[in-house]
């Protein structure tokens, strides 16, 4: 049984990311696959070349939608993180796992995930309440 400070959410979602070096503000972008995330860190897979190495502290932005424009993207998170390890690829993959520990635990305000509900309704899909249901 794992004893973790923050429970992990295991997902397999395509992501885009931006990694910035705090000192120079140089940045690299890439695409990968989210494997799991918690308020304390993230594990994602990426094809080489890898944008980071173990021990690096970087500013990370992760996007769960195709467009990585922060102003337009309703689903992203930003955090400063320490790269803990690089995991070798699985036997049938060439993607490396990148484990990042957030330097301060994420809070709900750090993660922006908005859901859009269509305003279109179809006639007859909403049942009318009977007198007994009111």
Protein backbone atom coordinates (compact mmCIF):
# COMPACT_ATOMS: atom_id res chain seq x y z
CA UNK A 1 0.00 0.00 0.00
CA UNK A 2 1.39 3.38 -1.02
CA UNK A 3 1.73 6.03 1.64
CA UNK A 4 1.47 9.30 -0.29
CA UNK A 5 0.80 12.81 0.89
CA UNK A 6 -1.52 13.47 -2.06
CA UNK A 7 -3.68 10.81 -3.74
CA UNK A 8 -2.95 10.26 -7.42
CA UNK A 9 -5.40 10.40 -10.25
CA UNK A 10 -4.41 7.87 -12.93
CA UNK A 11 -5.28 9.07 -16.44
CA UNK A 12 -4.20 8.53 -20.00
CA UNK A 13 -4.72 11.85 -21.72
CA UNK A 14 -2.76 13.55 -24.47
CA UNK A 15 -1.17 16.76 -23.24
CA UNK A 16 0.89 19.64 -24.52
CA UNK A 17 3.44 21.29 -22.29
CA UNK A 18 5.76 24.26 -22.03
CA UNK A 19 8.90 23.99 -19.91
CA UNK A 20 10.65 27.25 -18.99
CA UNK A 21 14.07 27.64 -17.41
CA UNK A 22 13.53 30.24 -14.65
CA UNK A 23 16.94 31.90 -15.00
CA UNK A 24 16.90 32.51 -18.75
CA UNK A 25 13.18 32.21 -19.59
CA UNK A 26 14.17 29.92 -22.47
CA UNK A 27 11.30 27.56 -23.17
CA UNK A 28 10.65 24.27 -24.91
CA UNK A 29 7.30 22.94 -25.99
CA UNK A 30 6.25 19.39 -26.58
CA UNK A 31 3.50 16.82 -26.58
CA UNK A 32 3.13 13.75 -24.45
CA UNK A 33 0.77 11.53 -22.54
CA UNK A 34 -0.37 12.25 -18.99
CA UNK A 35 -0.13 9.11 -16.83
CA UNK A 36 -1.00 10.40 -13.37
CA UNK A 37 -1.30 13.61 -11.43
CA UNK A 38 -1.79 14.76 -7.85
CA UNK A 39 -1.61 18.05 -6.00
CA UNK A 40 2.05 17.18 -5.33
CA UNK A 41 3.31 16.12 -8.76
CA UNK A 42 2.79 14.73 -12.23
CA UNK A 43 4.02 11.81 -14.31
CA UNK A 44 3.88 12.14 -18.08
CA UNK A 45 5.42 10.36 -21.05
CA UNK A 46 7.32 12.13 -23.80
CA UNK A 47 9.28 11.08 -26.86
CA UNK A 48 12.96 12.08 -27.06
CA UNK A 49 14.57 14.54 -27.02
CA UNK A 50 13.57 15.15 -23.45
CA UNK A 51 13.12 18.80 -22.40
CA UNK A 52 14.49 18.15 -18.87
CA UNK A 53 16.90 16.07 -16.83
CA UNK A 54 16.69 14.79 -13.23
CA UNK A 55 17.51 17.55 -10.77
CA UNK A 56 16.29 20.38 -13.00
CA UNK A 57 13.92 22.93 -11.48
CA UNK A 58 11.64 24.35 -14.16
CA UNK A 59 8.41 26.24 -14.67
CA UNK A 60 5.84 23.88 -16.21
CA UNK A 61 2.59 24.60 -18.02
CA UNK A 62 0.43 21.63 -18.98
CA UNK A 63 -2.52 21.83 -21.38
CA UNK A 64 -5.19 19.20 -21.78
CA UNK A 65 -6.64 20.69 -24.95
CA UNK A 66 -5.08 20.87 -28.42
CA UNK A 67 -4.34 24.61 -28.34
CA UNK A 68 -1.55 25.57 -25.95
CA UNK A 69 -2.45 29.26 -25.84
CA UNK A 70 -2.89 30.13 -22.16
CA UNK A 71 -5.41 32.88 -22.88
CA UNK A 72 -7.71 30.55 -24.84
CA UNK A 73 -7.19 27.27 -23.05
CA UNK A 74 -9.72 26.50 -20.32
CA UNK A 75 -7.86 23.40 -19.12
CA UNK A 76 -4.32 24.00 -17.94
CA UNK A 77 -2.10 24.07 -14.90
CA UNK A 78 1.09 25.91 -14.09
CA UNK A 79 3.64 25.01 -11.43
CA UNK A 80 7.31 25.15 -10.60
CA UNK A 81 8.65 21.64 -10.28
CA UNK A 82 11.70 19.52 -9.59
CA UNK A 83 12.33 16.72 -12.09
CA UNK A 84 12.72 13.67 -9.85
CA UNK A 85 13.42 10.98 -12.41
CA UNK A 86 13.28 9.90 -16.02
CA UNK A 87 11.78 6.43 -16.47
CA UNK A 88 12.96 4.24 -19.36
CA UNK A 89 10.44 3.39 -22.08
CA UNK A 90 8.17 0.39 -21.78
CA UNK A 91 9.13 -2.53 -24.08
CA UNK A 92 6.64 -1.52 -26.81
CA UNK A 93 7.17 2.24 -26.61
CA UNK A 94 9.84 4.84 -27.21
CA UNK A 95 8.33 7.36 -24.76
CA UNK A 96 10.16 8.12 -21.53
CA UNK A 97 8.34 8.81 -18.26
CA UNK A 98 9.07 12.16 -16.62
CA UNK A 99 8.24 12.45 -12.91
CA UNK A 100 7.96 16.01 -11.58
CA UNK A 101 7.43 17.02 -7.96
CA UNK A 102 5.72 20.39 -7.61
CA UNK A 103 7.76 22.60 -5.30
CA UNK A 104 4.62 23.78 -3.59
CA UNK A 105 1.52 21.62 -3.59
CA UNK A 106 -1.07 22.70 -6.11
CA UNK A 107 -4.20 24.28 -4.80
CA UNK A 108 -7.56 24.36 -6.52
CA UNK A 109 -6.84 27.91 -7.74
CA UNK A 110 -3.70 26.66 -9.56
CA UNK A 111 -5.65 24.18 -11.68
CA UNK A 112 -8.13 25.48 -14.18
CA UNK A 113 -10.56 22.93 -15.54
CA UNK A 114 -13.78 24.22 -16.97
CA UNK A 115 -16.56 22.15 -18.42
CA UNK A 116 -18.76 23.52 -21.14
CA UNK A 117 -22.33 22.38 -21.37
CA UNK A 118 -24.12 22.88 -24.63
CA UNK A 119 -27.05 25.26 -24.43
CA UNK A 120 -28.86 23.39 -27.21
CA UNK A 121 -31.87 21.43 -26.07
CA UNK A 122 -33.98 18.99 -27.96
CA UNK A 123 -37.72 19.22 -27.72
CA UNK A 124 -39.19 16.44 -25.64
CA UNK A 125 -35.96 15.40 -23.85
CA UNK A 126 -36.80 17.01 -20.52
CA UNK A 127 -39.62 15.11 -18.83
CA UNK A 128 -42.39 17.17 -17.33
CA UNK A 129 -42.89 16.85 -13.62
CA UNK A 130 -46.11 15.22 -12.48
CA UNK A 131 -48.10 16.73 -9.66
CA UNK A 132 -46.60 14.11 -7.30
CA UNK A 133 -42.99 15.11 -8.20
CA UNK A 134 -43.42 18.83 -7.51
